[in-house]
């Protein structure tokens, strides 16, 4: 699991994964979107490929990359107990904000009556 987090720690690799989550892209397309030189994009793709996050296929003269969701599912499973912890806190924050909103609207109504 540590190696997966090391792979994802780099912002450009996360950006590549985000782009590949919606479409298969070639190195050239990734270069254009990231505004990075080919050697840098290829280096990041190599790390992602070795980590199992992306897969490549040859299409004519180019390689087309796509997301492999399996390693992300493993991370998602690892995060589950933490998600439950934060979910409680987010729910409590939501309730607090709703109470504040109700107080604000009732104060505003009180000022209009005067």
C-alpha atoms as a PDB file:
ATOM      1  CA  UNK A   1       0.000   0.000   0.000  1.00  0.00           C
ATOM      2  CA  UNK A   2       2.866   2.400   0.688  1.00  0.00           C
ATOM      3  CA  UNK A   3       4.041   2.234  -2.902  1.00  0.00           C
ATOM      4  CA  UNK A   4       0.546   3.137  -4.136  1.00  0.00           C
ATOM      5  CA  UNK A   5       0.538   6.236  -1.950  1.00  0.00           C
ATOM      6  CA  UNK A   6       4.048   7.118  -3.145  1.00  0.00           C
ATOM      7  CA  UNK A   7       2.821   6.900  -6.736  1.00  0.00           C
ATOM      8  CA  UNK A   8      -0.179   9.114  -5.988  1.00  0.00           C
ATOM      9  CA  UNK A   9       1.832  11.625  -3.958  1.00  0.00           C
ATOM     10  CA  UNK A  10       3.040  13.382  -7.117  1.00  0.00           C
ATOM     11  CA  UNK A  11       0.541  16.028  -8.352  1.00  0.00           C
ATOM     12  CA  UNK A  12       1.224  15.486 -12.062  1.00  0.00           C
ATOM     13  CA  UNK A  13       0.512  11.763 -11.729  1.00  0.00           C
ATOM     14  CA  UNK A  14      -2.778  12.543  -9.987  1.00  0.00           C
ATOM     15  CA  UNK A  15      -3.600  14.953 -12.828  1.00  0.00           C
ATOM     16  CA  UNK A  16      -2.890  12.216 -15.376  1.00  0.00           C
ATOM     17  CA  UNK A  17      -5.150   9.803 -13.516  1.00  0.00           C
ATOM     18  CA  UNK A  18      -7.913  12.418 -13.427  1.00  0.00           C
ATOM     19  CA  UNK A  19      -7.640  12.934 -17.172  1.00  0.00           C
ATOM     20  CA  UNK A  20      -7.629   9.213 -17.851  1.00  0.00           C
ATOM     21  CA  UNK A  21     -10.701   8.728 -15.669  1.00  0.00           C
ATOM     22  CA  UNK A  22     -12.864  10.201 -18.412  1.00  0.00           C
ATOM     23  CA  UNK A  23     -11.081   9.090 -21.592  1.00  0.00           C
ATOM     24  CA  UNK A  24      -8.208   7.138 -23.078  1.00  0.00           C
ATOM     25  CA  UNK A  25      -5.417   9.518 -24.099  1.00  0.00           C
ATOM     26  CA  UNK A  26      -2.152   9.364 -25.981  1.00  0.00           C
ATOM     27  CA  UNK A  27       1.124  10.752 -24.672  1.00  0.00           C
ATOM     28  CA  UNK A  28       0.732  13.713 -27.038  1.00  0.00           C
ATOM     29  CA  UNK A  29      -2.743  14.507 -25.728  1.00  0.00           C
ATOM     30  CA  UNK A  30      -1.497  14.318 -22.152  1.00  0.00           C
ATOM     31  CA  UNK A  31       1.439  16.584 -23.054  1.00  0.00           C
ATOM     32  CA  UNK A  32      -0.951  19.168 -24.483  1.00  0.00           C
ATOM     33  CA  UNK A  33      -3.279  19.113 -21.484  1.00  0.00           C
ATOM     34  CA  UNK A  34      -0.497  19.138 -18.901  1.00  0.00           C
ATOM     35  CA  UNK A  35       1.718  21.521 -20.888  1.00  0.00           C
ATOM     36  CA  UNK A  36       4.699  19.321 -20.097  1.00  0.00           C
ATOM     37  CA  UNK A  37       7.470  17.968 -22.306  1.00  0.00           C
ATOM     38  CA  UNK A  38       7.223  14.398 -23.602  1.00  0.00           C
ATOM     39  CA  UNK A  39      10.059  12.986 -21.444  1.00  0.00           C
ATOM     40  CA  UNK A  40       8.343  14.209 -18.258  1.00  0.00           C
ATOM     41  CA  UNK A  41       4.933  12.821 -19.242  1.00  0.00           C
ATOM     42  CA  UNK A  42       6.524   9.498 -20.252  1.00  0.00           C
ATOM     43  CA  UNK A  43       8.361   9.325 -16.924  1.00  0.00           C
ATOM     44  CA  UNK A  44       5.115   9.801 -14.984  1.00  0.00           C
ATOM     45  CA  UNK A  45       3.307   7.272 -17.168  1.00  0.00           C
ATOM     46  CA  UNK A  46       6.062   4.736 -16.524  1.00  0.00           C
ATOM     47  CA  UNK A  47       5.634   5.127 -12.755  1.00  0.00           C
ATOM     48  CA  UNK A  48       1.852   4.833 -13.100  1.00  0.00           C
ATOM     49  CA  UNK A  49       2.182   1.789 -15.342  1.00  0.00           C
ATOM     50  CA  UNK A  50       4.613   0.053 -12.980  1.00  0.00           C
ATOM     51  CA  UNK A  51       2.227   0.791 -10.095  1.00  0.00           C
ATOM     52  CA  UNK A  52      -0.611  -0.788 -12.061  1.00  0.00           C
ATOM     53  CA  UNK A  53      -2.640   2.437 -12.268  1.00  0.00           C
ATOM     54  CA  UNK A  54      -2.598   2.715 -16.058  1.00  0.00           C
ATOM     55  CA  UNK A  55      -2.452   0.359 -19.010  1.00  0.00           C
ATOM     56  CA  UNK A  56      -1.213   1.122 -22.512  1.00  0.00           C
ATOM     57  CA  UNK A  57      -2.112  -0.196 -25.928  1.00  0.00           C
ATOM     58  CA  UNK A  58      -0.481   0.487 -29.246  1.00  0.00           C
ATOM     59  CA  UNK A  59      -2.626   2.255 -31.807  1.00  0.00           C
ATOM     60  CA  UNK A  60      -0.803   2.771 -35.102  1.00  0.00           C
ATOM     61  CA  UNK A  61       2.248   4.927 -34.268  1.00  0.00           C
ATOM     62  CA  UNK A  62       1.236   5.896 -30.752  1.00  0.00           C
ATOM     63  CA  UNK A  63       0.509   4.482 -27.317  1.00  0.00           C
ATOM     64  CA  UNK A  64      -2.901   5.136 -25.846  1.00  0.00           C
ATOM     65  CA  UNK A  65      -3.256   5.037 -22.072  1.00  0.00           C
ATOM     66  CA  UNK A  66      -6.271   4.163 -19.978  1.00  0.00           C
ATOM     67  CA  UNK A  67      -6.990   4.012 -16.275  1.00  0.00           C
ATOM     68  CA  UNK A  68      -6.814   0.689 -14.439  1.00  0.00           C
ATOM     69  CA  UNK A  69      -9.152   1.156 -11.452  1.00  0.00           C
ATOM     70  CA  UNK A  70      -8.041  -1.892  -9.431  1.00  0.00           C
ATOM     71  CA  UNK A  71      -5.288  -0.179  -7.381  1.00  0.00           C
ATOM     72  CA  UNK A  72      -7.672   2.698  -6.672  1.00  0.00           C
ATOM     73  CA  UNK A  73     -10.269   0.248  -5.376  1.00  0.00           C
ATOM     74  CA  UNK A  74      -7.692  -1.147  -2.961  1.00  0.00           C
ATOM     75  CA  UNK A  75      -6.965   2.376  -1.693  1.00  0.00           C
ATOM     76  CA  UNK A  76     -10.695   3.070  -1.419  1.00  0.00           C
ATOM     77  CA  UNK A  77     -11.123  -0.030   0.743  1.00  0.00           C
ATOM     78  CA  UNK A  78      -8.211   1.044   2.925  1.00  0.00           C
ATOM     79  CA  UNK A  79      -9.795   4.507   3.359  1.00  0.00           C
ATOM     80  CA  UNK A  80     -13.240   3.172   4.349  1.00  0.00           C
ATOM     81  CA  UNK A  81     -12.768   3.297   8.153  1.00  0.00           C
ATOM     82  CA  UNK A  82     -11.470   6.874   7.885  1.00  0.00           C
ATOM     83  CA  UNK A  83     -14.384   7.875   5.662  1.00  0.00           C
ATOM     84  CA  UNK A  84     -16.816   6.789   8.357  1.00  0.00           C
ATOM     85  CA  UNK A  85     -14.944   8.949  10.867  1.00  0.00           C
ATOM     86  CA  UNK A  86     -15.091  12.027   8.655  1.00  0.00           C
ATOM     87  CA  UNK A  87     -18.668  11.346   7.626  1.00  0.00           C
ATOM     88  CA  UNK A  88     -19.775  11.850  11.234  1.00  0.00           C
ATOM     89  CA  UNK A  89     -17.957  15.162  11.378  1.00  0.00           C
ATOM     90  CA  UNK A  90     -19.347  16.361   8.067  1.00  0.00           C
ATOM     91  CA  UNK A  91     -22.872  15.414   9.160  1.00  0.00           C
ATOM     92  CA  UNK A  92     -22.418  17.364  12.404  1.00  0.00           C
ATOM     93  CA  UNK A  93     -21.132  20.386  10.470  1.00  0.00           C
ATOM     94  CA  UNK A  94     -24.107  20.213   8.114  1.00  0.00           C
ATOM     95  CA  UNK A  95     -26.540  20.170  11.058  1.00  0.00           C
ATOM     96  CA  UNK A  96     -24.742  23.102  12.682  1.00  0.00           C
ATOM     97  CA  UNK A  97     -24.920  25.151   9.470  1.00  0.00           C
ATOM     98  CA  UNK A  98     -28.625  24.389   9.101  1.00  0.00           C
ATOM     99  CA  UNK A  99     -29.253  25.612  12.674  1.00  0.00           C
ATOM    100  CA  UNK A 100     -27.314  28.801  11.967  1.00  0.00           C
ATOM    101  CA  UNK A 101     -29.273  29.380   8.768  1.00  0.00           C
ATOM    102  CA  UNK A 102     -32.585  28.964  10.614  1.00  0.00           C
ATOM    103  CA  UNK A 103     -31.466  31.429  13.289  1.00  0.00           C
ATOM    104  CA  UNK A 104     -30.426  33.954  10.635  1.00  0.00           C
ATOM    105  CA  UNK A 105     -33.696  33.698   8.768  1.00  0.00           C
ATOM    106  CA  UNK A 106     -35.762  34.011  11.984  1.00  0.00           C
ATOM    107  CA  UNK A 107     -33.759  37.117  13.033  1.00  0.00           C
ATOM    108  CA  UNK A 108     -34.302  38.630   9.576  1.00  0.00           C
ATOM    109  CA  UNK A 109     -38.063  38.029   9.869  1.00  0.00           C
ATOM    110  CA  UNK A 110     -38.066  39.676  13.316  1.00  0.00           C
ATOM    111  CA  UNK A 111     -36.392  42.836  11.958  1.00  0.00           C
ATOM    112  CA  UNK A 112     -38.963  43.111   9.115  1.00  0.00           C
ATOM    113  CA  UNK A 113     -41.877  43.153  11.605  1.00  0.00           C
ATOM    114  CA  UNK A 114     -40.551  46.250  13.439  1.00  0.00           C
END
